[in-house]
């Protein structure tokens, strides 16, 4: 285990020993599920979704102070800006739970990251959050499979409790996401994080009150019905884009570019494209202003080292996991960026 039993106990104690926490979390299902696990255990505090890359800055420090937080939890975010730390009073403890590449921290931050002990650790933030609170297994399962992991310990238990949602233990994340009912819940959680922030906040508030996964799947309550209506509207837009993206190519690189839409689907499209093209490097890019924002994925190719080389000499940034990364490159440098990737794949 990459986080020790002692560390997991300490994480739970941090939750137990506060009265007005604020939770900052990433805008993907792993971040959302991590927040839901903590909030539903604690039943106190305020959640703030972070839809800004790469991390938290002074504006979020201001939110914590204005709320009157007595403790700050940061979930599934790879970076904290110095301006955030500098503007948080020393009396407010910061607890940071993440699973990206380890970062240097200051003395007033309690940092929990399984990659410190094991750089090859893949299990996401929601997995470790679940070990701390020991409840809402179904939420942890959604977070894990959404982040392309299939930890056998919690999935085996989930399969026994919800055989209709997960009839068999998936061999890999794509099987869970695109062949089993758990994948429907994953997509629902992902799409509810899109759209206007007021609609996202309302959806998250409703999710804190959903009792079981079956309530969502069967659409048996007014709360579930509201979430389904939001999902279906966004899903129509997604299906139209994915139909254009899922094209055949002999190249090792499958690149799909689309222009600004009301929602960003770069991660969702790239993940599903892997299911059909596991041997390729997938890039889904979206033009927003002067930037090309993109998601890079592969089932077999190590993406991160290729991305790191492609970012040399261009105006951009990016990073992530070995087989899944995010990046943003200025449009003026995008052709050069793509050319480097093709060269790294052995193509002209």
C-alpha atoms as a PDB file:
ATOM      1  CA  UNK A   1       0.000   0.000   0.000  1.00  0.00           C
ATOM      2  CA  UNK A   2       1.472   3.341  -1.053  1.00  0.00           C
ATOM      3  CA  UNK A   3      -0.251   5.371   1.671  1.00  0.00           C
ATOM      4  CA  UNK A   4       0.366   3.638   4.985  1.00  0.00           C
ATOM      5  CA  UNK A   5      -2.360   2.626   7.413  1.00  0.00           C
ATOM      6  CA  UNK A   6      -1.060   5.379   9.701  1.00  0.00           C
ATOM      7  CA  UNK A   7      -1.376   8.019   6.959  1.00  0.00           C
ATOM      8  CA  UNK A   8      -4.921   6.941   6.106  1.00  0.00           C
ATOM      9  CA  UNK A   9      -5.838   7.179   9.800  1.00  0.00           C
ATOM     10  CA  UNK A  10      -4.260  10.659   9.948  1.00  0.00           C
ATOM     11  CA  UNK A  11      -6.304  11.705   6.917  1.00  0.00           C
ATOM     12  CA  UNK A  12      -9.522  10.645   8.634  1.00  0.00           C
ATOM     13  CA  UNK A  13      -8.471  12.460  11.810  1.00  0.00           C
ATOM     14  CA  UNK A  14      -8.000  15.645   9.792  1.00  0.00           C
ATOM     15  CA  UNK A  15     -11.635  15.355   8.715  1.00  0.00           C
ATOM     16  CA  UNK A  16     -12.817  14.568  12.227  1.00  0.00           C
ATOM     17  CA  UNK A  17     -10.977  17.512  13.765  1.00  0.00           C
ATOM     18  CA  UNK A  18     -12.562  20.479  12.031  1.00  0.00           C
ATOM     19  CA  UNK A  19     -15.940  22.191  12.065  1.00  0.00           C
ATOM     20  CA  UNK A  20     -16.036  24.344   8.945  1.00  0.00           C
ATOM     21  CA  UNK A  21     -13.857  22.838   6.222  1.00  0.00           C
ATOM     22  CA  UNK A  22     -13.656  24.004   2.631  1.00  0.00           C
ATOM     23  CA  UNK A  23     -12.900  21.450  -0.094  1.00  0.00           C
ATOM     24  CA  UNK A  24     -11.195  22.497  -3.344  1.00  0.00           C
ATOM     25  CA  UNK A  25     -11.396  19.713  -5.939  1.00  0.00           C
ATOM     26  CA  UNK A  26     -10.560  19.025  -9.574  1.00  0.00           C
ATOM     27  CA  UNK A  27     -13.240  19.238 -12.260  1.00  0.00           C
ATOM     28  CA  UNK A  28     -13.258  15.565 -13.240  1.00  0.00           C
ATOM     29  CA  UNK A  29     -15.111  12.554 -11.756  1.00  0.00           C
ATOM     30  CA  UNK A  30     -12.145  11.566  -9.586  1.00  0.00           C
ATOM     31  CA  UNK A  31     -12.013  15.035  -8.036  1.00  0.00           C
ATOM     32  CA  UNK A  32     -15.798  15.168  -7.686  1.00  0.00           C
ATOM     33  CA  UNK A  33     -16.009  11.706  -6.095  1.00  0.00           C
ATOM     34  CA  UNK A  34     -13.197  12.555  -3.688  1.00  0.00           C
ATOM     35  CA  UNK A  35     -15.143  15.613  -2.553  1.00  0.00           C
ATOM     36  CA  UNK A  36     -18.406  13.659  -2.264  1.00  0.00           C
ATOM     37  CA  UNK A  37     -16.721  10.982  -0.147  1.00  0.00           C
ATOM     38  CA  UNK A  38     -15.312  13.546   2.274  1.00  0.00           C
ATOM     39  CA  UNK A  39     -18.403  15.744   2.399  1.00  0.00           C
ATOM     40  CA  UNK A  40     -20.895  12.893   2.833  1.00  0.00           C
ATOM     41  CA  UNK A  41     -18.780  11.552   5.707  1.00  0.00           C
ATOM     42  CA  UNK A  42     -18.276  14.894   7.398  1.00  0.00           C
ATOM     43  CA  UNK A  43     -21.656  16.481   6.534  1.00  0.00           C
ATOM     44  CA  UNK A  44     -20.071  19.868   7.078  1.00  0.00           C
ATOM     45  CA  UNK A  45     -18.302  22.419   4.928  1.00  0.00           C
ATOM     46  CA  UNK A  46     -18.314  23.855   1.426  1.00  0.00           C
ATOM     47  CA  UNK A  47     -17.139  22.394  -1.878  1.00  0.00           C
ATOM     48  CA  UNK A  48     -15.481  24.509  -4.576  1.00  0.00           C
ATOM     49  CA  UNK A  49     -14.774  22.992  -7.978  1.00  0.00           C
ATOM     50  CA  UNK A  50     -11.537  24.144  -9.644  1.00  0.00           C
ATOM     51  CA  UNK A  51     -12.033  24.622 -13.370  1.00  0.00           C
ATOM     52  CA  UNK A  52      -8.726  26.384 -13.830  1.00  0.00           C
ATOM     53  CA  UNK A  53      -5.382  24.802 -14.710  1.00  0.00           C
ATOM     54  CA  UNK A  54      -2.968  23.998 -13.311  1.00  0.00           C
ATOM     55  CA  UNK A  55      -3.742  24.774  -9.668  1.00  0.00           C
ATOM     56  CA  UNK A  56      -5.029  27.091  -6.975  1.00  0.00           C
ATOM     57  CA  UNK A  57      -4.034  30.761  -6.795  1.00  0.00           C
ATOM     58  CA  UNK A  58      -4.785  33.696  -4.493  1.00  0.00           C
ATOM     59  CA  UNK A  59      -8.419  33.974  -5.676  1.00  0.00           C
ATOM     60  CA  UNK A  60      -9.152  30.639  -4.018  1.00  0.00           C
ATOM     61  CA  UNK A  61      -7.344  31.675  -0.860  1.00  0.00           C
ATOM     62  CA  UNK A  62      -9.763  34.596  -0.744  1.00  0.00           C
ATOM     63  CA  UNK A  63     -12.720  32.183  -1.056  1.00  0.00           C
ATOM     64  CA  UNK A  64     -11.461  30.141   1.904  1.00  0.00           C
ATOM     65  CA  UNK A  65     -11.027  33.232   4.081  1.00  0.00           C
ATOM     66  CA  UNK A  66     -14.393  34.720   3.106  1.00  0.00           C
ATOM     67  CA  UNK A  67     -16.092  31.427   3.929  1.00  0.00           C
ATOM     68  CA  UNK A  68     -14.422  31.379   7.352  1.00  0.00           C
ATOM     69  CA  UNK A  69     -12.891  27.937   6.851  1.00  0.00           C
ATOM     70  CA  UNK A  70     -11.070  26.390   9.794  1.00  0.00           C
ATOM     71  CA  UNK A  71      -9.378  23.818   7.512  1.00  0.00           C
ATOM     72  CA  UNK A  72      -8.671  23.536   3.792  1.00  0.00           C
ATOM     73  CA  UNK A  73      -8.790  20.256   1.882  1.00  0.00           C
ATOM     74  CA  UNK A  74      -7.301  20.152  -1.629  1.00  0.00           C
ATOM     75  CA  UNK A  75      -8.324  17.089  -3.632  1.00  0.00           C
ATOM     76  CA  UNK A  76      -6.923  15.732  -6.892  1.00  0.00           C
ATOM     77  CA  UNK A  77      -5.094  18.930  -7.879  1.00  0.00           C
ATOM     78  CA  UNK A  78      -1.490  18.552  -9.063  1.00  0.00           C
ATOM     79  CA  UNK A  79      -0.285  22.013  -8.124  1.00  0.00           C
ATOM     80  CA  UNK A  80      -0.766  24.870  -5.660  1.00  0.00           C
ATOM     81  CA  UNK A  81       0.443  28.336  -6.608  1.00  0.00           C
ATOM     82  CA  UNK A  82       2.645  30.262  -4.185  1.00  0.00           C
ATOM     83  CA  UNK A  83       0.068  33.068  -4.196  1.00  0.00           C
ATOM     84  CA  UNK A  84      -2.460  30.669  -2.645  1.00  0.00           C
ATOM     85  CA  UNK A  85      -0.158  29.564   0.175  1.00  0.00           C
ATOM     86  CA  UNK A  86       1.050  33.106   0.896  1.00  0.00           C
ATOM     87  CA  UNK A  87      -2.504  34.378   1.340  1.00  0.00           C
ATOM     88  CA  UNK A  88      -3.695  31.660   3.719  1.00  0.00           C
ATOM     89  CA  UNK A  89      -3.276  32.584   7.408  1.00  0.00           C
ATOM     90  CA  UNK A  90      -0.958  30.197   9.244  1.00  0.00           C
ATOM     91  CA  UNK A  91      -3.748  29.301  11.670  1.00  0.00           C
ATOM     92  CA  UNK A  92      -5.730  27.585   8.871  1.00  0.00           C
ATOM     93  CA  UNK A  93      -4.312  24.083   8.231  1.00  0.00           C
ATOM     94  CA  UNK A  94      -4.058  22.850   4.637  1.00  0.00           C
ATOM     95  CA  UNK A  95      -4.559  19.143   3.874  1.00  0.00           C
ATOM     96  CA  UNK A  96      -3.635  18.117   0.342  1.00  0.00           C
ATOM     97  CA  UNK A  97      -4.600  14.678  -1.038  1.00  0.00           C
ATOM     98  CA  UNK A  98      -3.402  13.976  -4.570  1.00  0.00           C
ATOM     99  CA  UNK A  99      -2.052  11.207  -6.811  1.00  0.00           C
ATOM    100  CA  UNK A 100      -0.117  13.127  -9.477  1.00  0.00           C
ATOM    101  CA  UNK A 101       3.668  13.570  -9.508  1.00  0.00           C
ATOM    102  CA  UNK A 102       4.816  14.618  -5.994  1.00  0.00           C
ATOM    103  CA  UNK A 103       5.357  18.318  -5.281  1.00  0.00           C
ATOM    104  CA  UNK A 104       7.449  20.208  -2.749  1.00  0.00           C
ATOM    105  CA  UNK A 105       5.316  21.601   0.064  1.00  0.00           C
ATOM    106  CA  UNK A 106       5.645  24.057   2.920  1.00  0.00           C
ATOM    107  CA  UNK A 107       5.493  23.206   6.621  1.00  0.00           C
ATOM    108  CA  UNK A 108       1.859  24.289   7.030  1.00  0.00           C
ATOM    109  CA  UNK A 109       0.645  21.744   4.431  1.00  0.00           C
ATOM    110  CA  UNK A 110      -0.070  18.122   5.316  1.00  0.00           C
ATOM    111  CA  UNK A 111       0.566  16.352   2.028  1.00  0.00           C
ATOM    112  CA  UNK A 112      -0.766  12.892   1.246  1.00  0.00           C
ATOM    113  CA  UNK A 113       0.381  11.429  -2.071  1.00  0.00           C
ATOM    114  CA  UNK A 114       0.830   7.684  -2.710  1.00  0.00           C
ATOM    115  CA  UNK A 115       3.406   8.396  -5.422  1.00  0.00           C
ATOM    116  CA  UNK A 116       5.895   9.599  -2.808  1.00  0.00           C
ATOM    117  CA  UNK A 117       6.339   5.980  -1.714  1.00  0.00           C
ATOM    118  CA  UNK A 118       5.716   4.407  -5.107  1.00  0.00           C
ATOM    119  CA  UNK A 119       6.042   6.433  -8.296  1.00  0.00           C
ATOM    120  CA  UNK A 120       4.272   3.658 -10.244  1.00  0.00           C
ATOM    121  CA  UNK A 121       1.144   3.864  -8.060  1.00  0.00           C
ATOM    122  CA  UNK A 122      -1.935   4.371 -10.267  1.00  0.00           C
ATOM    123  CA  UNK A 123      -4.858   4.354  -7.843  1.00  0.00           C
ATOM    124  CA  UNK A 124      -6.557   7.765  -7.845  1.00  0.00           C
ATOM    125  CA  UNK A 125      -7.489  10.274  -5.172  1.00  0.00           C
ATOM    126  CA  UNK A 126     -11.012   8.880  -4.711  1.00  0.00           C
ATOM    127  CA  UNK A 127      -9.545   5.464  -3.819  1.00  0.00           C
ATOM    128  CA  UNK A 128      -7.516   6.895  -0.929  1.00  0.00           C
ATOM    129  CA  UNK A 129     -10.398   9.122   0.160  1.00  0.00           C
ATOM    130  CA  UNK A 130     -12.579   6.019   0.406  1.00  0.00           C
ATOM    131  CA  UNK A 131     -10.013   4.162   2.523  1.00  0.00           C
ATOM    132  CA  UNK A 132     -10.133   7.097   4.941  1.00  0.00           C
ATOM    133  CA  UNK A 133     -13.922   7.370   5.308  1.00  0.00           C
ATOM    134  CA  UNK A 134     -14.931   3.730   4.665  1.00  0.00           C
ATOM    135  CA  UNK A 135     -18.360   4.537   3.245  1.00  0.00           C
ATOM    136  CA  UNK A 136     -20.058   5.154  -0.124  1.00  0.00           C
ATOM    137  CA  UNK A 137     -18.176   2.415  -1.944  1.00  0.00           C
ATOM    138  CA  UNK A 138     -20.205   3.089  -5.090  1.00  0.00           C
ATOM    139  CA  UNK A 139     -18.950   6.677  -5.298  1.00  0.00           C
ATOM    140  CA  UNK A 140     -15.337   5.519  -4.918  1.00  0.00           C
ATOM    141  CA  UNK A 141     -15.888   2.967  -7.687  1.00  0.00           C
ATOM    142  CA  UNK A 142     -17.174   5.641 -10.067  1.00  0.00           C
ATOM    143  CA  UNK A 143     -14.130   7.780  -9.277  1.00  0.00           C
ATOM    144  CA  UNK A 144     -11.669   4.926  -9.825  1.00  0.00           C
ATOM    145  CA  UNK A 145     -12.985   3.606 -13.136  1.00  0.00           C
ATOM    146  CA  UNK A 146     -13.457   7.172 -14.405  1.00  0.00           C
ATOM    147  CA  UNK A 147      -9.753   7.745 -13.751  1.00  0.00           C
ATOM    148  CA  UNK A 148      -8.882   4.592 -15.700  1.00  0.00           C
ATOM    149  CA  UNK A 149      -8.037   2.314 -12.795  1.00  0.00           C
ATOM    150  CA  UNK A 150      -9.614  -0.962 -11.637  1.00  0.00           C
ATOM    151  CA  UNK A 151      -8.407  -1.562  -8.054  1.00  0.00           C
ATOM    152  CA  UNK A 152      -9.443  -5.164  -7.381  1.00  0.00           C
ATOM    153  CA  UNK A 153     -10.002  -4.774  -3.635  1.00  0.00           C
ATOM    154  CA  UNK A 154     -12.855  -2.268  -3.783  1.00  0.00           C
ATOM    155  CA  UNK A 155     -14.203  -3.430  -7.172  1.00  0.00           C
ATOM    156  CA  UNK A 156     -14.546  -7.013  -5.921  1.00  0.00           C
ATOM    157  CA  UNK A 157     -16.679  -5.778  -3.031  1.00  0.00           C
ATOM    158  CA  UNK A 158     -18.657  -3.480  -5.322  1.00  0.00           C
ATOM    159  CA  UNK A 159     -19.366  -6.347  -7.752  1.00  0.00           C
ATOM    160  CA  UNK A 160     -20.841  -8.404  -4.909  1.00  0.00           C
ATOM    161  CA  UNK A 161     -23.029  -5.527  -3.716  1.00  0.00           C
ATOM    162  CA  UNK A 162     -24.140  -4.337  -7.173  1.00  0.00           C
ATOM    163  CA  UNK A 163     -23.975  -7.285  -9.624  1.00  0.00           C
ATOM    164  CA  UNK A 164     -26.357  -5.591 -12.056  1.00  0.00           C
ATOM    165  CA  UNK A 165     -24.022  -2.590 -12.332  1.00  0.00           C
ATOM    166  CA  UNK A 166     -20.799  -4.620 -12.486  1.00  0.00           C
ATOM    167  CA  UNK A 167     -21.642  -8.213 -13.467  1.00  0.00           C
ATOM    168  CA  UNK A 168     -17.980  -9.270 -13.594  1.00  0.00           C
ATOM    169  CA  UNK A 169     -14.659  -7.865 -12.493  1.00  0.00           C
ATOM    170  CA  UNK A 170     -13.380  -5.819 -15.448  1.00  0.00           C
ATOM    171  CA  UNK A 171     -10.006  -6.768 -16.924  1.00  0.00           C
ATOM    172  CA  UNK A 172      -9.241  -3.142 -17.713  1.00  0.00           C
ATOM    173  CA  UNK A 173     -10.851   0.306 -17.276  1.00  0.00           C
ATOM    174  CA  UNK A 174     -12.263   0.455 -20.823  1.00  0.00           C
ATOM    175  CA  UNK A 175     -14.262  -2.720 -20.201  1.00  0.00           C
ATOM    176  CA  UNK A 176     -15.803  -1.128 -17.114  1.00  0.00           C
ATOM    177  CA  UNK A 177     -16.486   2.185 -18.851  1.00  0.00           C
ATOM    178  CA  UNK A 178     -17.850   0.977 -22.197  1.00  0.00           C
ATOM    179  CA  UNK A 179     -19.247  -2.502 -21.560  1.00  0.00           C
ATOM    180  CA  UNK A 180     -20.765  -2.271 -18.082  1.00  0.00           C
ATOM    181  CA  UNK A 181     -23.435  -0.165 -16.408  1.00  0.00           C
ATOM    182  CA  UNK A 182     -20.865   1.468 -14.128  1.00  0.00           C
ATOM    183  CA  UNK A 183     -19.728   3.323 -17.263  1.00  0.00           C
ATOM    184  CA  UNK A 184     -23.107   5.053 -17.516  1.00  0.00           C
ATOM    185  CA  UNK A 185     -22.621   6.468 -14.038  1.00  0.00           C
ATOM    186  CA  UNK A 186     -19.103   7.569 -14.904  1.00  0.00           C
ATOM    187  CA  UNK A 187     -20.303   9.483 -17.958  1.00  0.00           C
ATOM    188  CA  UNK A 188     -23.160  11.011 -15.974  1.00  0.00           C
ATOM    189  CA  UNK A 189     -20.709  12.333 -13.367  1.00  0.00           C
ATOM    190  CA  UNK A 190     -18.391  13.663 -16.048  1.00  0.00           C
ATOM    191  CA  UNK A 191     -21.101  15.474 -18.016  1.00  0.00           C
ATOM    192  CA  UNK A 192     -22.657  17.032 -14.919  1.00  0.00           C
ATOM    193  CA  UNK A 193     -19.364  18.932 -14.492  1.00  0.00           C
ATOM    194  CA  UNK A 194     -19.924  20.743 -17.788  1.00  0.00           C
ATOM    195  CA  UNK A 195     -21.957  23.855 -18.553  1.00  0.00           C
ATOM    196  CA  UNK A 196     -22.636  26.984 -16.530  1.00  0.00           C
ATOM    197  CA  UNK A 197     -21.075  27.035 -13.061  1.00  0.00           C
ATOM    198  CA  UNK A 198     -24.463  27.652 -11.394  1.00  0.00           C
ATOM    199  CA  UNK A 199     -25.824  24.477 -13.021  1.00  0.00           C
ATOM    200  CA  UNK A 200     -22.706  22.528 -12.039  1.00  0.00           C
ATOM    201  CA  UNK A 201     -22.959  23.693  -8.421  1.00  0.00           C
ATOM    202  CA  UNK A 202     -26.641  22.722  -8.289  1.00  0.00           C
ATOM    203  CA  UNK A 203     -25.866  19.276  -9.698  1.00  0.00           C
ATOM    204  CA  UNK A 204     -23.082  18.715  -7.174  1.00  0.00           C
ATOM    205  CA  UNK A 205     -25.364  19.755  -4.324  1.00  0.00           C
ATOM    206  CA  UNK A 206     -27.931  17.209  -5.504  1.00  0.00           C
ATOM    207  CA  UNK A 207     -25.273  14.491  -5.793  1.00  0.00           C
ATOM    208  CA  UNK A 208     -24.384  14.971  -2.118  1.00  0.00           C
ATOM    209  CA  UNK A 209     -27.931  13.786  -1.332  1.00  0.00           C
ATOM    210  CA  UNK A 210     -28.310  10.828  -3.724  1.00  0.00           C
ATOM    211  CA  UNK A 211     -28.625   7.703  -1.585  1.00  0.00           C
ATOM    212  CA  UNK A 212     -27.748   4.861  -3.972  1.00  0.00           C
ATOM    213  CA  UNK A 213     -26.459   4.332  -7.519  1.00  0.00           C
ATOM    214  CA  UNK A 214     -29.754   2.658  -8.385  1.00  0.00           C
ATOM    215  CA  UNK A 215     -31.570   5.901  -7.623  1.00  0.00           C
ATOM    216  CA  UNK A 216     -29.575   7.511 -10.410  1.00  0.00           C
ATOM    217  CA  UNK A 217     -29.855   4.632 -12.860  1.00  0.00           C
ATOM    218  CA  UNK A 218     -33.594   4.119 -12.389  1.00  0.00           C
ATOM    219  CA  UNK A 219     -34.337   7.852 -12.320  1.00  0.00           C
ATOM    220  CA  UNK A 220     -36.839   7.298  -9.523  1.00  0.00           C
ATOM    221  CA  UNK A 221     -36.710  10.643  -7.715  1.00  0.00           C
ATOM    222  CA  UNK A 222     -37.085  14.317  -8.671  1.00  0.00           C
ATOM    223  CA  UNK A 223     -33.406  14.813  -7.822  1.00  0.00           C
ATOM    224  CA  UNK A 224     -32.304  12.038 -10.183  1.00  0.00           C
ATOM    225  CA  UNK A 225     -34.690  13.308 -12.863  1.00  0.00           C
ATOM    226  CA  UNK A 226     -33.096  16.766 -12.779  1.00  0.00           C
ATOM    227  CA  UNK A 227     -29.633  15.270 -13.182  1.00  0.00           C
ATOM    228  CA  UNK A 228     -30.756  13.061 -16.070  1.00  0.00           C
ATOM    229  CA  UNK A 229     -32.285  15.979 -17.941  1.00  0.00           C
ATOM    230  CA  UNK A 230     -29.011  17.905 -17.690  1.00  0.00           C
ATOM    231  CA  UNK A 231     -27.047  14.861 -18.751  1.00  0.00           C
ATOM    232  CA  UNK A 232     -29.183  14.076 -21.805  1.00  0.00           C
ATOM    233  CA  UNK A 233     -28.876  17.609 -23.154  1.00  0.00           C
ATOM    234  CA  UNK A 234     -25.081  17.482 -22.914  1.00  0.00           C
ATOM    235  CA  UNK A 235     -24.936  13.908 -24.216  1.00  0.00           C
ATOM    236  CA  UNK A 236     -26.561  14.924 -27.514  1.00  0.00           C
ATOM    237  CA  UNK A 237     -23.704  17.360 -28.133  1.00  0.00           C
ATOM    238  CA  UNK A 238     -21.140  14.716 -27.204  1.00  0.00           C
ATOM    239  CA  UNK A 239     -22.522  12.048 -29.538  1.00  0.00           C
ATOM    240  CA  UNK A 240     -22.380  14.402 -32.513  1.00  0.00           C
ATOM    241  CA  UNK A 241     -18.713  15.194 -31.836  1.00  0.00           C
ATOM    242  CA  UNK A 242     -17.677  11.624 -31.156  1.00  0.00           C
ATOM    243  CA  UNK A 243     -19.176  10.444 -34.442  1.00  0.00           C
ATOM    244  CA  UNK A 244     -16.809  12.867 -36.213  1.00  0.00           C
ATOM    245  CA  UNK A 245     -13.813  11.917 -34.053  1.00  0.00           C
ATOM    246  CA  UNK A 246     -14.028   8.132 -34.424  1.00  0.00           C
ATOM    247  CA  UNK A 247     -12.281   7.871 -37.784  1.00  0.00           C
ATOM    248  CA  UNK A 248      -9.945   5.230 -39.179  1.00  0.00           C
ATOM    249  CA  UNK A 249      -6.282   6.007 -39.785  1.00  0.00           C
ATOM    250  CA  UNK A 250      -3.150   3.957 -40.477  1.00  0.00           C
ATOM    251  CA  UNK A 251      -1.038   6.452 -38.534  1.00  0.00           C
ATOM    252  CA  UNK A 252       0.034   5.757 -34.951  1.00  0.00           C
ATOM    253  CA  UNK A 253      -1.407   9.200 -34.163  1.00  0.00           C
ATOM    254  CA  UNK A 254      -5.154   9.741 -34.156  1.00  0.00           C
ATOM    255  CA  UNK A 255      -5.783  13.484 -33.918  1.00  0.00           C
ATOM    256  CA  UNK A 256      -9.213  15.070 -33.730  1.00  0.00           C
ATOM    257  CA  UNK A 257      -9.598  18.837 -33.530  1.00  0.00           C
ATOM    258  CA  UNK A 258     -12.770  20.777 -32.913  1.00  0.00           C
ATOM    259  CA  UNK A 259     -13.531  24.436 -32.372  1.00  0.00           C
ATOM    260  CA  UNK A 260     -15.088  26.124 -29.380  1.00  0.00           C
ATOM    261  CA  UNK A 261     -18.392  24.623 -28.306  1.00  0.00           C
ATOM    262  CA  UNK A 262     -20.509  25.269 -25.253  1.00  0.00           C
ATOM    263  CA  UNK A 263     -18.754  22.364 -23.511  1.00  0.00           C
ATOM    264  CA  UNK A 264     -15.305  20.780 -23.534  1.00  0.00           C
ATOM    265  CA  UNK A 265     -15.227  17.070 -24.333  1.00  0.00           C
ATOM    266  CA  UNK A 266     -11.504  16.579 -24.965  1.00  0.00           C
ATOM    267  CA  UNK A 267     -10.995  14.076 -22.126  1.00  0.00           C
ATOM    268  CA  UNK A 268     -14.267  12.222 -22.734  1.00  0.00           C
ATOM    269  CA  UNK A 269     -13.652  11.803 -26.471  1.00  0.00           C
ATOM    270  CA  UNK A 270     -10.024  10.763 -26.054  1.00  0.00           C
ATOM    271  CA  UNK A 271     -10.934   8.174 -23.424  1.00  0.00           C
ATOM    272  CA  UNK A 272     -13.563   6.539 -25.612  1.00  0.00           C
ATOM    273  CA  UNK A 273     -11.298   6.640 -28.654  1.00  0.00           C
ATOM    274  CA  UNK A 274      -8.775   4.530 -26.709  1.00  0.00           C
ATOM    275  CA  UNK A 275     -11.400   1.812 -26.368  1.00  0.00           C
ATOM    276  CA  UNK A 276     -11.570   1.506 -30.142  1.00  0.00           C
ATOM    277  CA  UNK A 277      -7.886   2.344 -30.808  1.00  0.00           C
ATOM    278  CA  UNK A 278      -5.804   1.134 -27.835  1.00  0.00           C
ATOM    279  CA  UNK A 279      -2.589   0.902 -29.868  1.00  0.00           C
ATOM    280  CA  UNK A 280      -2.623   4.534 -31.037  1.00  0.00           C
ATOM    281  CA  UNK A 281      -1.686   7.831 -29.426  1.00  0.00           C
ATOM    282  CA  UNK A 282      -4.892   9.833 -29.215  1.00  0.00           C
ATOM    283  CA  UNK A 283      -4.909  13.640 -29.253  1.00  0.00           C
ATOM    284  CA  UNK A 284      -8.197  15.496 -28.992  1.00  0.00           C
ATOM    285  CA  UNK A 285      -7.686  19.237 -29.249  1.00  0.00           C
ATOM    286  CA  UNK A 286     -10.033  22.176 -28.891  1.00  0.00           C
ATOM    287  CA  UNK A 287      -9.287  25.698 -30.022  1.00  0.00           C
ATOM    288  CA  UNK A 288     -10.099  28.267 -27.370  1.00  0.00           C
ATOM    289  CA  UNK A 289      -8.906  31.782 -28.103  1.00  0.00           C
ATOM    290  CA  UNK A 290      -5.197  31.618 -28.968  1.00  0.00           C
ATOM    291  CA  UNK A 291      -4.747  28.248 -27.291  1.00  0.00           C
ATOM    292  CA  UNK A 292      -5.087  24.657 -28.403  1.00  0.00           C
ATOM    293  CA  UNK A 293      -6.227  22.789 -25.330  1.00  0.00           C
ATOM    294  CA  UNK A 294      -5.905  19.061 -25.578  1.00  0.00           C
ATOM    295  CA  UNK A 295      -6.131  15.641 -24.030  1.00  0.00           C
ATOM    296  CA  UNK A 296      -3.536  12.993 -24.896  1.00  0.00           C
ATOM    297  CA  UNK A 297      -4.153   9.299 -24.232  1.00  0.00           C
ATOM    298  CA  UNK A 298      -2.895   5.858 -25.188  1.00  0.00           C
ATOM    299  CA  UNK A 299      -3.534   2.321 -24.057  1.00  0.00           C
ATOM    300  CA  UNK A 300      -0.019   1.137 -24.921  1.00  0.00           C
ATOM    301  CA  UNK A 301       2.231   4.132 -25.722  1.00  0.00           C
ATOM    302  CA  UNK A 302       3.916   6.077 -22.909  1.00  0.00           C
ATOM    303  CA  UNK A 303       2.432   9.523 -23.471  1.00  0.00           C
ATOM    304  CA  UNK A 304       4.111  11.694 -20.844  1.00  0.00           C
ATOM    305  CA  UNK A 305       7.729  11.476 -22.116  1.00  0.00           C
ATOM    306  CA  UNK A 306       6.550  12.194 -25.673  1.00  0.00           C
ATOM    307  CA  UNK A 307       4.578  15.211 -24.456  1.00  0.00           C
ATOM    308  CA  UNK A 308       7.566  16.513 -22.499  1.00  0.00           C
ATOM    309  CA  UNK A 309       9.725  16.451 -25.642  1.00  0.00           C
ATOM    310  CA  UNK A 310       6.993  18.039 -27.780  1.00  0.00           C
ATOM    311  CA  UNK A 311       6.715  20.967 -25.345  1.00  0.00           C
ATOM    312  CA  UNK A 312      10.393  21.890 -25.743  1.00  0.00           C
ATOM    313  CA  UNK A 313      10.700  25.109 -27.724  1.00  0.00           C
ATOM    314  CA  UNK A 314       6.974  25.850 -27.891  1.00  0.00           C
ATOM    315  CA  UNK A 315       4.747  28.223 -25.944  1.00  0.00           C
ATOM    316  CA  UNK A 316       2.719  25.828 -23.872  1.00  0.00           C
ATOM    317  CA  UNK A 317       2.486  23.606 -20.818  1.00  0.00           C
ATOM    318  CA  UNK A 318       1.178  20.197 -19.889  1.00  0.00           C
ATOM    319  CA  UNK A 319       1.646  17.024 -17.890  1.00  0.00           C
ATOM    320  CA  UNK A 320      -0.171  14.213 -16.157  1.00  0.00           C
ATOM    321  CA  UNK A 321       0.094  10.453 -15.927  1.00  0.00           C
ATOM    322  CA  UNK A 322       2.228   8.061 -17.961  1.00  0.00           C
ATOM    323  CA  UNK A 323      -0.555   7.144 -20.392  1.00  0.00           C
ATOM    324  CA  UNK A 324      -2.896  10.130 -19.958  1.00  0.00           C
ATOM    325  CA  UNK A 325      -1.989  13.821 -20.067  1.00  0.00           C
ATOM    326  CA  UNK A 326      -3.453  17.243 -20.615  1.00  0.00           C
ATOM    327  CA  UNK A 327      -1.750  20.139 -22.384  1.00  0.00           C
ATOM    328  CA  UNK A 328      -2.254  23.618 -23.795  1.00  0.00           C
ATOM    329  CA  UNK A 329      -0.180  25.057 -26.649  1.00  0.00           C
ATOM    330  CA  UNK A 330      -0.451  28.391 -28.437  1.00  0.00           C
ATOM    331  CA  UNK A 331      -1.980  28.024 -31.909  1.00  0.00           C
ATOM    332  CA  UNK A 332       1.141  29.532 -33.536  1.00  0.00           C
ATOM    333  CA  UNK A 333       3.221  26.594 -32.214  1.00  0.00           C
ATOM    334  CA  UNK A 334       0.701  23.800 -32.603  1.00  0.00           C
ATOM    335  CA  UNK A 335       1.985  22.480 -35.949  1.00  0.00           C
ATOM    336  CA  UNK A 336       5.521  22.284 -34.536  1.00  0.00           C
ATOM    337  CA  UNK A 337       4.142  20.513 -31.464  1.00  0.00           C
ATOM    338  CA  UNK A 338       2.348  17.913 -33.592  1.00  0.00           C
ATOM    339  CA  UNK A 339       5.380  17.406 -35.820  1.00  0.00           C
ATOM    340  CA  UNK A 340       7.552  16.528 -32.810  1.00  0.00           C
ATOM    341  CA  UNK A 341       4.977  14.001 -31.637  1.00  0.00           C
ATOM    342  CA  UNK A 342       4.898  12.370 -35.088  1.00  0.00           C
ATOM    343  CA  UNK A 343       8.689  12.168 -35.088  1.00  0.00           C
ATOM    344  CA  UNK A 344       8.659  10.574 -31.630  1.00  0.00           C
ATOM    345  CA  UNK A 345       6.222   7.994 -32.996  1.00  0.00           C
ATOM    346  CA  UNK A 346       8.596   7.286 -35.881  1.00  0.00           C
ATOM    347  CA  UNK A 347       6.498   9.038 -38.503  1.00  0.00           C
ATOM    348  CA  UNK A 348       7.342  11.947 -40.818  1.00  0.00           C
END
